Protein backbone atom coordinates (compact mmCIF):
# COMPACT_ATOMS: atom_id res chain seq x y z
CA UNK A 1 22.95 74.99 -20.02
CA UNK A 2 21.10 71.72 -19.66
CA UNK A 3 19.61 71.17 -16.24
CA UNK A 4 20.53 67.98 -14.41
CA UNK A 5 17.93 65.27 -14.51
CA UNK A 6 15.91 65.09 -11.31
CA UNK A 7 14.53 61.78 -10.02
CA UNK A 8 10.82 61.42 -10.52
CA UNK A 9 8.63 61.68 -7.46
CA UNK A 10 8.45 58.37 -5.66
CA UNK A 11 11.33 56.96 -7.67
CA UNK A 12 14.12 55.47 -5.51
CA UNK A 13 17.58 57.07 -5.59
CA UNK A 14 19.87 55.37 -8.08
CA UNK A 15 23.55 55.22 -8.85
CA UNK A 16 24.14 56.77 -12.27
CA UNK A 17 26.08 54.55 -14.62
CA UNK A 18 26.95 55.44 -18.15
CA UNK A 19 28.61 53.90 -21.14
CA UNK A 20 31.93 55.64 -21.64
CA UNK A 21 31.90 54.65 -25.31
CA UNK A 22 29.39 57.49 -25.68
CA UNK A 23 32.10 60.03 -24.95
CA UNK A 24 33.63 62.08 -27.71
CA UNK A 25 36.85 60.49 -28.81
CA UNK A 26 38.96 63.54 -28.07
CA UNK A 27 41.85 61.28 -27.21
CA UNK A 28 42.19 60.60 -30.92
CA UNK A 29 43.09 64.25 -31.49
CA UNK A 30 46.66 65.38 -31.11
CA UNK A 31 47.16 68.17 -28.59
CA UNK A 32 49.65 69.66 -31.03
CA UNK A 33 46.66 70.45 -33.23
CA UNK A 34 45.81 73.14 -30.68
CA UNK A 35 48.21 75.48 -32.43
CA UNK A 36 45.98 75.42 -35.51
CA UNK A 37 42.83 76.48 -33.62
CA UNK A 38 41.71 79.98 -34.54
CA UNK A 39 38.14 80.03 -33.22
CA UNK A 40 36.49 78.73 -30.02
CA UNK A 41 35.68 75.06 -30.24
CA UNK A 42 32.28 73.53 -29.59
CA UNK A 43 33.51 71.50 -26.63
CA UNK A 44 34.85 74.47 -24.65
CA UNK A 45 32.85 75.13 -21.47
CA UNK A 46 32.54 78.87 -22.16
CA UNK A 47 33.04 81.06 -25.24
CA UNK A 48 35.98 83.31 -25.92
CA UNK A 49 38.60 80.91 -27.19
CA UNK A 50 41.75 79.73 -25.46
CA UNK A 51 44.18 82.51 -24.67
CA UNK A 52 47.65 82.23 -26.26
CA UNK A 53 50.16 80.93 -23.76
CA UNK A 54 52.50 83.85 -24.43
CA UNK A 55 49.85 86.56 -24.21
CA UNK A 56 50.11 89.29 -21.60
CA UNK A 57 47.25 87.83 -19.57
CA UNK A 58 48.81 84.38 -19.57
CA UNK A 59 52.20 85.76 -18.56
CA UNK A 60 50.52 87.83 -15.87
CA UNK A 61 48.93 84.72 -14.39
CA UNK A 62 52.22 82.85 -14.60
CA UNK A 63 53.86 85.72 -12.69
CA UNK A 64 51.29 85.29 -9.92
CA UNK A 65 52.15 81.62 -9.50
CA UNK A 66 55.88 82.28 -9.64
CA UNK A 67 55.44 84.70 -6.74
CA UNK A 68 53.25 82.22 -4.85
CA UNK A 69 55.91 79.53 -5.30
CA UNK A 70 58.62 81.72 -3.77
CA UNK A 71 56.56 82.99 -0.81
CA UNK A 72 54.88 79.63 -0.14
CA UNK A 73 58.26 77.94 -0.07
CA UNK A 74 60.03 80.60 1.99
CA UNK A 75 57.73 81.51 4.89
CA UNK A 76 57.02 77.99 6.24
CA UNK A 77 60.56 76.88 5.36
CA UNK A 78 62.15 79.57 7.53
CA UNK A 79 60.72 77.81 10.57
CA UNK A 80 63.51 75.26 10.95
CA UNK A 81 66.71 77.25 10.25
CA UNK A 82 65.61 80.63 11.66
CA UNK A 83 63.15 79.94 14.46
CA UNK A 84 64.13 76.44 15.58
CA UNK A 85 67.92 76.64 15.22
CA UNK A 86 68.82 80.35 15.14
CA UNK A 87 66.39 81.42 17.92
CA UNK A 88 66.26 78.01 19.66
CA UNK A 89 62.49 77.64 19.63
CA UNK A 90 61.08 74.70 21.56
CA UNK A 91 59.02 72.06 19.80
CA UNK A 92 55.89 73.69 21.22
CA UNK A 93 56.85 77.09 19.85
CA UNK A 94 57.59 75.57 16.44
CA UNK A 95 54.20 73.86 16.43
CA UNK A 96 52.61 77.22 17.19
CA UNK A 97 54.49 78.90 14.34
CA UNK A 98 53.41 76.25 11.83
CA UNK A 99 49.84 76.28 13.15
CA UNK A 100 49.52 80.04 12.75
CA UNK A 101 50.74 79.87 9.15
CA UNK A 102 48.29 77.05 8.38
CA UNK A 103 45.18 78.67 9.87
CA UNK A 104 44.69 80.91 6.84
CA UNK A 105 44.62 77.93 4.47
CA UNK A 106 41.68 76.46 6.36
CA UNK A 107 39.64 79.54 5.43
CA UNK A 108 40.31 79.37 1.69
CA UNK A 109 36.66 78.74 0.76
CA UNK A 110 35.55 81.99 2.38
CA UNK A 111 38.16 83.92 0.42
CA UNK A 112 36.80 82.26 -2.72
CA UNK A 113 33.31 83.56 -1.91
CA UNK A 114 34.80 87.00 -1.29
CA UNK A 115 36.46 87.20 -4.71
CA UNK A 116 33.38 85.82 -6.47
CA UNK A 117 30.81 88.15 -4.92
CA UNK A 118 32.45 91.40 -3.94
CA UNK A 119 34.46 93.02 -6.75
CA UNK A 120 36.75 95.95 -5.92
CA UNK A 121 36.49 98.75 -8.48
CA UNK A 122 34.37 96.29 -10.50
CA UNK A 123 37.21 93.74 -10.79
CA UNK A 124 36.75 90.37 -9.09
CA UNK A 125 40.24 88.98 -9.60
CA UNK A 126 42.84 91.63 -10.42
CA UNK A 127 41.90 93.86 -7.49
CA UNK A 128 42.28 91.03 -4.98
CA UNK A 129 45.63 90.04 -6.48
CA UNK A 130 46.92 93.59 -6.05
CA UNK A 131 45.44 93.86 -2.54
CA UNK A 132 46.83 90.51 -1.43
CA UNK A 133 50.33 91.13 -2.72
CA UNK A 134 50.35 94.64 -1.25
CA UNK A 135 49.57 93.18 2.18
CA UNK A 136 52.37 90.65 1.77
CA UNK A 137 54.80 93.30 0.53
CA UNK A 138 54.21 95.61 3.50
CA UNK A 139 54.59 92.73 5.99
CA UNK A 140 57.82 91.50 4.37
CA UNK A 141 59.18 95.05 4.14
CA UNK A 142 58.81 95.55 7.89
CA UNK A 143 60.44 92.16 8.56
CA UNK A 144 63.31 93.05 6.23
CA UNK A 145 64.15 96.50 7.62
CA UNK A 146 63.60 95.95 11.35
CA UNK A 147 66.76 94.40 12.87
CA UNK A 148 66.22 90.71 13.59
CA UNK A 149 66.99 89.49 17.13
CA UNK A 150 70.47 88.15 17.88
CA UNK A 151 70.87 84.35 17.64
CA UNK A 152 70.61 82.11 20.70
CA UNK A 153 74.22 81.02 20.15
CA UNK A 154 76.34 83.96 19.06
CA UNK A 155 78.76 83.62 16.13
CA UNK A 156 81.59 83.72 18.69
CA UNK A 157 80.59 80.14 19.61
CA UNK A 158 80.91 78.79 16.06
CA UNK A 159 84.12 76.96 16.99
CA UNK A 160 82.40 74.85 19.65
CA UNK A 161 81.69 71.24 18.76
CA UNK A 162 78.20 70.33 17.63
CA UNK A 163 77.75 68.21 20.76
CA UNK A 164 78.43 71.14 23.11
CA UNK A 165 76.24 73.46 21.04
CA UNK A 166 73.35 70.99 21.26
CA UNK A 167 73.83 70.69 25.03
CA UNK A 168 73.64 74.46 25.49
CA UNK A 169 70.54 74.64 23.31
CA UNK A 170 68.88 71.94 25.40
CA UNK A 171 69.65 73.83 28.63
CA UNK A 172 72.70 71.91 29.85
CA UNK A 173 75.78 74.02 30.70
CA UNK A 174 77.97 71.23 32.06
CA UNK A 175 80.68 71.55 29.42
CA UNK A 176 80.21 75.25 28.65
CA UNK A 177 82.49 77.82 30.26
CA UNK A 178 81.43 81.15 31.73
CA UNK A 179 83.00 82.86 28.73
CA UNK A 180 80.89 80.70 26.42
CA UNK A 181 77.67 81.52 28.27
CA UNK A 182 78.35 85.24 27.84
CA UNK A 183 77.55 84.80 24.14
CA UNK A 184 74.27 82.95 24.74
CA UNK A 185 71.16 85.07 24.11
CA UNK A 186 68.67 83.43 26.46
CA UNK A 187 65.95 85.88 25.43
CA UNK A 188 66.11 84.84 21.78
CA UNK A 189 63.11 82.43 21.84
CA UNK A 190 60.85 85.18 23.23
CA UNK A 191 62.01 87.98 20.93
CA UNK A 192 60.41 87.07 17.60
CA UNK A 193 56.70 87.71 18.23
CA UNK A 194 56.61 90.54 15.68
CA UNK A 195 58.07 88.36 12.91
CA UNK A 196 55.63 85.56 13.65
CA UNK A 197 52.68 87.95 13.51
CA UNK A 198 53.89 89.56 10.29
CA UNK A 199 54.51 86.12 8.74
CA UNK A 200 50.85 85.29 9.37
CA UNK A 201 49.79 88.62 7.81
CA UNK A 202 52.02 87.95 4.79
CA UNK A 203 50.56 84.45 4.51
CA UNK A 204 47.04 85.82 4.46
CA UNK A 205 47.99 88.32 1.76
CA UNK A 206 49.48 85.88 -0.71
CA UNK A 207 46.69 83.37 -0.05
CA UNK A 208 44.13 86.02 -1.01
CA UNK A 209 46.05 86.67 -4.23
CA UNK A 210 46.39 82.93 -4.86
CA UNK A 211 42.64 82.32 -4.53
CA UNK A 212 41.93 85.09 -7.04
CA UNK A 213 44.55 83.70 -9.43
CA UNK A 214 43.13 80.17 -9.10
CA UNK A 215 39.68 81.45 -10.02
CA UNK A 216 41.04 83.21 -13.09
CA UNK A 217 42.88 80.06 -14.17
CA UNK A 218 39.57 78.19 -14.00
CA UNK A 219 37.90 80.90 -16.08
CA UNK A 220 40.53 80.70 -18.81
CA UNK A 221 40.72 76.91 -18.66
CA UNK A 222 36.97 76.85 -19.39
CA UNK A 223 37.73 78.56 -22.70
CA UNK A 224 40.14 75.84 -23.77
CA UNK A 225 38.95 73.07 -26.12
CA UNK A 226 38.60 69.74 -24.37
CA UNK A 227 41.58 68.25 -26.17
CA UNK A 228 43.92 70.73 -24.45
CA UNK A 229 41.92 71.73 -21.39
CA UNK A 230 44.23 71.46 -18.42
CA UNK A 231 47.22 73.01 -20.17
CA UNK A 232 46.79 76.33 -18.34
CA UNK A 233 46.58 74.48 -15.02
CA UNK A 234 49.72 72.51 -15.81
CA UNK A 235 51.71 75.60 -16.73
CA UNK A 236 50.72 77.63 -13.68
CA UNK A 237 51.25 74.76 -11.23
CA UNK A 238 54.51 73.82 -12.92
CA UNK A 239 55.76 77.39 -12.59
CA UNK A 240 54.75 77.45 -8.93
CA UNK A 241 56.86 74.38 -8.19
CA UNK A 242 59.74 75.68 -10.30
CA UNK A 243 59.74 78.95 -8.34
CA UNK A 244 59.89 76.94 -5.13
CA UNK A 245 63.43 75.94 -6.09
CA UNK A 246 64.68 79.40 -5.06
CA UNK A 247 63.74 79.14 -1.37
CA UNK A 248 64.95 75.53 -1.29
CA UNK A 249 68.33 76.68 -2.58
CA UNK A 250 68.44 79.54 -0.08
CA UNK A 251 67.79 77.15 2.81
CA UNK A 252 70.46 74.74 1.64
CA UNK A 253 73.23 77.13 0.73
CA UNK A 254 72.54 80.55 2.29
CA UNK A 255 70.96 79.57 5.62
CA UNK A 256 73.29 76.68 6.36
CA UNK A 257 75.75 78.52 8.60
CA UNK A 258 76.56 77.36 12.10
CA UNK A 259 74.12 79.82 13.69
CA UNK A 260 71.41 77.98 11.72
CA UNK A 261 72.59 74.53 12.79
CA UNK A 262 74.55 73.98 9.57
CA UNK A 263 78.21 73.54 8.76
CA UNK A 264 79.06 76.56 6.61
CA UNK A 265 81.25 79.38 7.93
CA UNK A 266 79.05 81.99 6.26
CA UNK A 267 75.35 82.67 5.85
CA UNK A 268 72.89 85.46 5.13
CA UNK A 269 70.96 87.21 7.89
CA UNK A 270 67.22 86.58 8.40
CA UNK A 271 66.53 90.17 7.32
CA UNK A 272 68.06 89.45 3.90
CA UNK A 273 65.88 86.35 3.56
CA UNK A 274 62.76 88.42 4.21
CA UNK A 275 64.06 91.14 1.90
CA UNK A 276 64.28 88.65 -0.98
CA UNK A 277 60.50 88.21 -0.71
CA UNK A 278 59.93 91.82 -1.73
CA UNK A 279 60.87 91.09 -5.35
CA UNK A 280 58.14 88.49 -6.08
CA UNK A 281 55.56 90.74 -4.40
CA UNK A 282 56.49 93.65 -6.66
CA UNK A 283 56.50 91.67 -9.89
CA UNK A 284 53.14 90.07 -8.99
CA UNK A 285 51.59 93.49 -8.30
CA UNK A 286 52.93 94.89 -11.58
CA UNK A 287 51.75 91.84 -13.55
CA UNK A 288 48.24 92.06 -12.07
CA UNK A 289 47.97 95.77 -12.80
CA UNK A 290 49.44 95.95 -16.30
CA UNK A 291 49.28 92.48 -17.87
CA UNK A 292 46.20 90.66 -16.67
CA UNK A 293 43.06 91.60 -18.58
CA UNK A 294 39.67 91.27 -16.91
CA UNK A 295 36.26 92.56 -17.90
CA UNK A 296 34.72 94.83 -15.26
CA UNK A 297 31.62 93.39 -13.60
CA UNK A 298 28.94 94.71 -11.29
CA UNK A 299 28.41 93.24 -7.86
CA UNK A 300 26.06 90.27 -7.95
CA UNK A 301 23.31 89.42 -5.50
CA UNK A 302 24.81 87.40 -2.67
CA UNK A 303 21.53 85.57 -2.16
CA UNK A 304 21.35 84.62 -5.84
CA UNK A 305 25.00 83.55 -5.75
CA UNK A 306 24.48 81.26 -2.75
CA UNK A 307 21.36 79.78 -4.35
CA UNK A 308 23.34 78.97 -7.51
CA UNK A 309 26.16 77.53 -5.41
CA UNK A 310 23.73 75.33 -3.48
CA UNK A 311 22.26 74.01 -6.73
CA UNK A 312 25.79 73.14 -7.85
CA UNK A 313 26.63 71.38 -4.58
CA UNK A 314 23.57 69.16 -4.99
CA UNK A 315 24.92 67.74 -8.25
CA UNK A 316 26.25 64.23 -8.04
CA UNK A 317 29.43 65.17 -9.88
CA UNK A 318 30.40 67.68 -7.16
CA UNK A 319 30.01 65.57 -4.05
CA UNK A 320 31.38 62.51 -5.84
CA UNK A 321 34.62 64.29 -6.82
CA UNK A 322 34.91 65.89 -3.38
CA UNK A 323 34.56 62.46 -1.80
CA UNK A 324 37.30 61.10 -4.04
CA UNK A 325 39.68 63.99 -3.32
CA UNK A 326 39.19 63.80 0.46
CA UNK A 327 39.35 60.05 1.03
CA UNK A 328 42.02 59.42 -1.59
CA UNK A 329 44.26 62.04 0.01
CA UNK A 330 43.43 60.80 3.52
CA UNK A 331 44.75 57.34 2.70
CA UNK A 332 47.56 58.33 0.33
CA UNK A 333 49.19 60.76 2.80
CA UNK A 334 49.34 58.11 5.52
CA UNK A 335 53.00 57.97 6.57
CA UNK A 336 55.24 56.56 9.32
CA UNK A 337 56.69 58.52 12.23
CA UNK A 338 59.96 56.68 11.60
CA UNK A 339 60.57 58.50 8.30
CA UNK A 340 62.86 61.27 9.51
CA UNK A 341 64.73 59.16 12.11
CA UNK A 342 65.46 56.58 9.40
CA UNK A 343 66.82 59.25 7.08
CA UNK A 344 69.02 60.74 9.80
CA UNK A 345 70.16 57.70 11.81
CA UNK A 346 70.25 54.77 9.39
CA UNK A 347 70.62 56.36 5.96
CA UNK A 348 73.04 58.99 7.36
CA UNK A 349 71.64 61.76 5.17
CA UNK A 350 73.46 65.00 6.00
CA UNK A 351 71.70 68.40 5.95
CA UNK A 352 73.60 69.38 2.80
CA UNK A 353 72.57 66.20 0.96
CA UNK A 354 69.01 66.77 2.16
CA UNK A 355 69.13 70.29 0.72
CA UNK A 356 70.25 68.98 -2.67
CA UNK A 357 67.50 66.36 -2.48
CA UNK A 358 64.84 69.01 -1.76
CA UNK A 359 65.96 71.14 -4.70
CA UNK A 360 66.08 68.15 -7.06
CA UNK A 361 62.66 66.93 -5.91
CA UNK A 362 61.06 70.30 -6.51
CA UNK A 363 62.66 70.64 -9.95
CA UNK A 364 61.60 67.14 -10.99
CA UNK A 365 58.07 67.76 -9.73
CA UNK A 366 57.86 70.84 -11.92
CA UNK A 367 59.13 68.93 -14.97
CA UNK A 368 56.53 66.18 -14.43
CA UNK A 369 53.70 68.70 -14.27
CA UNK A 370 54.87 70.42 -17.45
CA UNK A 371 55.15 67.02 -19.15
CA UNK A 372 51.58 66.13 -18.20
CA UNK A 373 50.41 69.43 -19.65
CA UNK A 374 52.13 68.53 -22.92
CA UNK A 375 51.44 64.81 -23.29
CA UNK A 376 49.11 63.68 -20.51
CA UNK A 377 45.94 65.71 -20.92
CA UNK A 378 44.05 62.79 -22.49
CA UNK A 379 45.37 60.04 -20.25
CA UNK A 380 42.74 58.02 -18.45
CA UNK A 381 42.61 59.52 -14.95
CA UNK A 382 41.74 56.32 -13.13
CA UNK A 383 44.34 54.18 -14.84
CA UNK A 384 47.06 56.82 -14.47
CA UNK A 385 46.42 57.37 -10.76
CA UNK A 386 46.34 53.62 -10.15
CA UNK A 387 49.66 53.04 -11.93
CA UNK A 388 51.43 55.98 -10.28
CA UNK A 389 50.16 55.07 -6.81
CA UNK A 390 51.51 51.55 -7.11
CA UNK A 391 54.79 52.92 -8.48
CA UNK A 392 55.20 55.26 -5.49
CA UNK A 393 54.60 52.41 -3.05
CA UNK A 394 57.02 50.05 -4.82
CA UNK A 395 59.81 52.65 -4.98
CA UNK A 396 59.39 53.83 -1.40
CA UNK A 397 59.11 50.30 -0.03
CA UNK A 398 62.31 49.27 -1.81
CA UNK A 399 64.25 52.18 -0.30
CA UNK A 400 62.75 52.03 3.18
CA UNK A 401 63.03 48.30 3.73
CA UNK A 402 66.48 48.24 2.14
CA UNK A 403 67.74 50.75 4.69
CA UNK A 404 65.78 49.27 7.60
CA UNK A 405 67.24 45.79 7.12
CA UNK A 406 70.72 47.13 6.30
CA UNK A 407 70.80 45.95 2.69
CA UNK A 408 72.25 49.38 1.93
CA UNK A 409 72.69 52.50 4.03
CA UNK A 410 74.30 54.85 1.59
CA UNK A 411 72.72 58.32 1.77
CA UNK A 412 73.07 58.90 -1.98
CA UNK A 413 71.39 55.62 -2.88
CA UNK A 414 68.60 56.35 -0.41
CA UNK A 415 67.78 59.90 -1.49
CA UNK A 416 68.35 58.98 -5.13
CA UNK A 417 65.80 56.21 -4.84
CA UNK A 418 63.29 58.44 -3.09
CA UNK A 419 63.89 61.11 -5.72
CA UNK A 420 62.68 58.74 -8.41
CA UNK A 421 59.24 58.47 -6.78
CA UNK A 422 58.74 62.17 -7.55
CA UNK A 423 57.96 61.19 -11.15
CA UNK A 424 54.88 59.07 -10.41
CA UNK A 425 54.03 61.28 -7.43
CA UNK A 426 54.04 64.44 -9.54
CA UNK A 427 51.98 62.85 -12.29
CA UNK A 428 49.46 61.59 -9.75
CA UNK A 429 49.17 65.01 -8.13
CA UNK A 430 48.41 67.00 -11.28
CA UNK A 431 46.13 64.37 -12.83
CA UNK A 432 43.97 64.38 -9.69
CA UNK A 433 43.77 68.20 -9.86
CA UNK A 434 42.39 68.42 -13.40
CA UNK A 435 38.82 67.58 -12.38
CA UNK A 436 38.33 70.82 -10.37
CA UNK A 437 38.06 72.91 -13.55
CA UNK A 438 35.28 70.77 -14.98
CA UNK A 439 32.73 71.19 -12.19
CA UNK A 440 32.79 74.98 -11.65
CA UNK A 441 30.07 77.18 -13.15
CA UNK A 442 30.42 80.72 -14.46
CA UNK A 443 30.58 83.12 -11.53
CA UNK A 444 31.56 80.70 -8.76
CA UNK A 445 35.01 79.67 -9.98
CA UNK A 446 36.71 80.99 -6.84
CA UNK A 447 34.67 79.12 -4.26
CA UNK A 448 34.40 75.84 -6.21
CA UNK A 449 38.13 75.61 -6.86
CA UNK A 450 38.81 76.61 -3.24
CA UNK A 451 36.38 73.96 -2.01
CA UNK A 452 37.96 71.14 -3.99
CA UNK A 453 41.51 72.11 -3.02
CA UNK A 454 40.53 72.71 0.61
CA UNK A 455 38.94 69.27 0.76
CA UNK A 456 42.35 67.84 -0.13
CA UNK A 457 44.20 69.96 2.43
CA UNK A 458 41.72 69.20 5.21
CA UNK A 459 42.33 65.47 4.84
CA UNK A 460 45.97 65.85 5.93
CA UNK A 461 45.33 66.63 9.65
CA UNK A 462 43.14 63.52 9.88
CA UNK A 463 45.83 61.39 8.25
CA UNK A 464 48.58 62.80 10.47
CA UNK A 465 46.53 62.21 13.62
CA UNK A 466 45.74 58.63 12.62
CA UNK A 467 49.27 57.50 11.73
CA UNK A 468 50.75 59.14 14.82
CA UNK A 469 48.14 57.40 16.95
CA UNK A 470 48.79 53.99 15.37
CA UNK A 471 52.58 54.34 15.40
CA UNK A 472 52.59 55.22 19.11
CA UNK A 473 51.84 51.56 19.85
CA UNK A 474 55.09 50.49 18.17
CA UNK A 475 57.51 52.54 20.26
CA UNK A 476 59.40 55.81 20.07
CA UNK A 477 61.49 56.05 16.89
CA UNK A 478 63.27 59.31 17.69
CA UNK A 479 66.39 57.36 18.62
CA UNK A 480 67.20 54.42 16.35
CA UNK A 481 70.71 53.88 17.67
CA UNK A 482 69.49 50.58 19.10
CA UNK A 483 69.59 48.89 15.71
CA UNK A 484 68.11 45.60 16.88
CA UNK A 485 65.93 43.12 15.04
CA UNK A 486 63.00 44.09 17.27
CA UNK A 487 63.34 47.77 16.38
CA UNK A 488 63.60 46.91 12.69
CA UNK A 489 60.41 44.88 12.86
CA UNK A 490 58.63 47.73 14.64
CA UNK A 491 59.72 50.19 11.96
CA UNK A 492 58.72 47.73 9.24
CA UNK A 493 55.30 47.27 10.80
CA UNK A 494 54.56 50.99 10.67
CA UNK A 495 55.56 51.06 7.02
CA UNK A 496 53.50 47.99 6.18
CA UNK A 497 50.51 49.88 7.55
CA UNK A 498 51.43 53.10 5.72
CA UNK A 499 51.91 51.40 2.35
CA UNK A 500 48.72 49.40 2.78
CA UNK A 501 46.79 52.60 3.40
CA UNK A 502 48.27 54.16 0.27
CA UNK A 503 47.13 51.19 -1.77
CA UNK A 504 43.68 51.36 -0.17
CA UNK A 505 43.36 54.88 -1.58
CA UNK A 506 42.83 53.18 -4.96
CA UNK A 507 39.45 51.95 -3.75
CA UNK A 508 38.07 55.47 -4.07
CA UNK A 509 38.86 55.70 -7.78
CA UNK A 510 35.29 54.54 -8.41
CA UNK A 511 34.22 58.09 -7.51
CA UNK A 512 36.49 59.68 -10.12
CA UNK A 513 35.28 59.90 -13.73
CA UNK A 514 37.78 58.65 -16.26
CA UNK A 515 38.27 61.91 -18.17
CA UNK A 516 36.95 65.42 -18.79
CA UNK A 517 34.13 64.32 -21.10
CA UNK A 518 32.94 61.86 -18.46
CA UNK A 519 32.79 64.67 -15.90
CA UNK A 520 30.70 66.84 -18.22
CA UNK A 521 28.31 63.98 -18.95
CA UNK A 522 27.97 63.22 -15.24
CA UNK A 523 27.36 66.90 -14.55
CA UNK A 524 24.52 67.02 -17.08
CA UNK A 525 22.87 63.69 -16.37
CA UNK A 526 24.12 62.50 -13.00
CA UNK A 527 21.20 63.95 -11.10
CA UNK A 528 21.07 66.00 -7.92
CA UNK A 529 20.52 65.24 -4.25
CA UNK A 530 19.64 67.66 -1.46
CA UNK A 531 20.73 65.09 1.12
CA UNK A 532 24.14 64.65 -0.52
CA UNK A 533 24.69 68.42 -0.50
CA UNK A 534 23.85 68.56 3.21
CA UNK A 535 26.30 65.72 3.89
CA UNK A 536 28.99 67.47 1.83
CA UNK A 537 28.62 70.76 3.69
CA UNK A 538 28.42 68.99 7.05
CA UNK A 539 31.49 66.91 6.28
CA UNK A 540 33.40 69.99 5.18
CA UNK A 541 32.38 71.83 8.36
CA UNK A 542 33.56 68.92 10.53
CA UNK A 543 36.88 68.70 8.67
CA UNK A 544 37.33 72.48 8.93
CA UNK A 545 36.56 72.40 12.66
CA UNK A 546 39.05 69.55 13.15
CA UNK A 547 41.73 71.45 11.23
CA UNK A 548 41.15 74.64 13.22
CA UNK A 549 41.18 72.63 16.45
CA UNK A 550 44.56 71.11 15.62
CA UNK A 551 45.94 74.57 14.80
CA UNK A 552 44.58 76.19 17.97
CA UNK A 553 45.69 73.34 20.25
CA UNK A 554 49.20 73.58 18.79
CA UNK A 555 49.39 77.21 19.92
CA UNK A 556 49.28 76.42 23.65
CA UNK A 557 51.96 74.55 25.62
CA UNK A 558 49.32 72.77 27.71
CA UNK A 559 47.77 71.07 24.65
CA UNK A 560 50.48 71.04 21.97
CA UNK A 561 51.82 67.59 22.90
CA UNK A 562 48.57 65.78 22.03
CA UNK A 563 48.47 63.89 18.76
CA UNK A 564 45.43 65.79 17.55
CA UNK A 565 47.58 68.94 17.78
CA UNK A 566 50.42 67.36 15.81
CA UNK A 567 52.42 66.29 18.86
CA UNK A 568 53.77 62.85 19.65
CA UNK A 569 51.41 62.16 22.55
CA UNK A 570 54.25 62.12 25.08
CA UNK A 571 54.04 64.24 28.26
CA UNK A 572 56.16 67.40 28.30
CA UNK A 573 58.04 67.99 31.55
CA UNK A 574 59.83 71.26 32.31
CA UNK A 575 61.66 71.70 35.63
CA UNK A 576 59.94 68.57 36.98
CA UNK A 577 56.54 70.05 36.16
CA UNK A 578 54.24 68.40 33.62
CA UNK A 579 53.03 71.20 31.36
CA UNK A 580 51.28 68.99 28.80
CA UNK A 581 49.78 65.52 29.03
CA UNK A 582 50.04 63.24 32.03
CA UNK A 583 52.66 60.83 33.29
């Protein structure tokens, strides 16, 4: 491999510019020509040739992502119907549940190092897939067979009006009779500690398997010719989103009974929901053991591995792409706290319609990713992200301002309009993800891919904190019944800010190379900087510390109301005692 050019001693640091006309014109090749390839191509990153998409190894990897899609969609999604509605968790308890599930994701880089450096039975990827899914299987098995606590409001109270049910859940018994209160399980919110703990264990297990699968996808993507490199990523990510349809459908149609805050007269029990998760765990274990092929490797020197990783982090291409992924996501995920109140109060979107919307969004996202893998592998990354970002803003602004100013308040028009932004949003998401494959070296695929994806995830807590802080100066949007001109302007102001921030994310496109060949050229000739690597590691450490702080603060009632912990910044008063914040 060519070593990156180092600046001469005494020579000032420079910004590397290059003429993109130098790049190989792979865009002139049809990706359909891939089917005719029989031997490895010269522009593949590593030898071996692209694996057939219907080979056992490919299908084994696809099975891993199908399982990830089901588990990743189910465990966090059970929070609202099961813990918030069924068990009547408080907002603080819900924040704790979500925080515990998210803590593992903040440690993804360390799991990447684990899979890179410490093979089990000489296998760096397969063994960790089997181990991770076994952990998840055992945790889900216990949650499925151990009887789940009784609901806060027993099924005998299903005939009560929604208003009375909400009053009882909030602690008011004014309109409830003594007979009604006999069917209220006041201990329900304190009876689910085991399921929360096991959900965290299950989350750790499938994350470990996911990190190993991600690393293997990078390895096999490196063997693809440049003209089709990214196809394996598109297929695996597309399958992951497609598999997410199953939990979305379960939430909408099987966990929509009255004990879950829905309107159906029937529903499945929480134990059945956890039992469903056993199937993806089993098929993922079987696929890893019998389908995925991996060459056995000896354990490498950890010191040598870290030295190689440090040399990679010093490359301009690495910190430049990490900077793009972090700041672009920080600005693009800037939202408004009025989003859910608008959907509920002004657009009148019912839970059932919202369920259909979630299923349709997930399905359309999957289709967009598959389409990019078929036709979009040679699209210019900068131009595509710019176009799709503007499209998302235009579509969302049309829907939001139309509802806010009462031009239309039909739930089907509203969710239908928002559904259409999934097309540019999905394209933007997968196009931005393609660059991760290009910067990894042989042997550190796990940590590099984990670093780039973690950088994206760590930007979200910053974004959430910032928009909640800014929106707090415009009022409390939890109740939009006062549909006055002043309230509409306040809502509009928060969205003007949010959409402006999304558009500002385009300013960081200068850090993103235009295509795969540009990344490889920048990797070879972009130079290296010790100072930039130090800043990258320091910035990652700060972002990781911030993310862990938000998760830990959300665990405790005395700190969960603060915006940094994901709260709304309002004091929490229980029995005339302030337990969080100050009046």
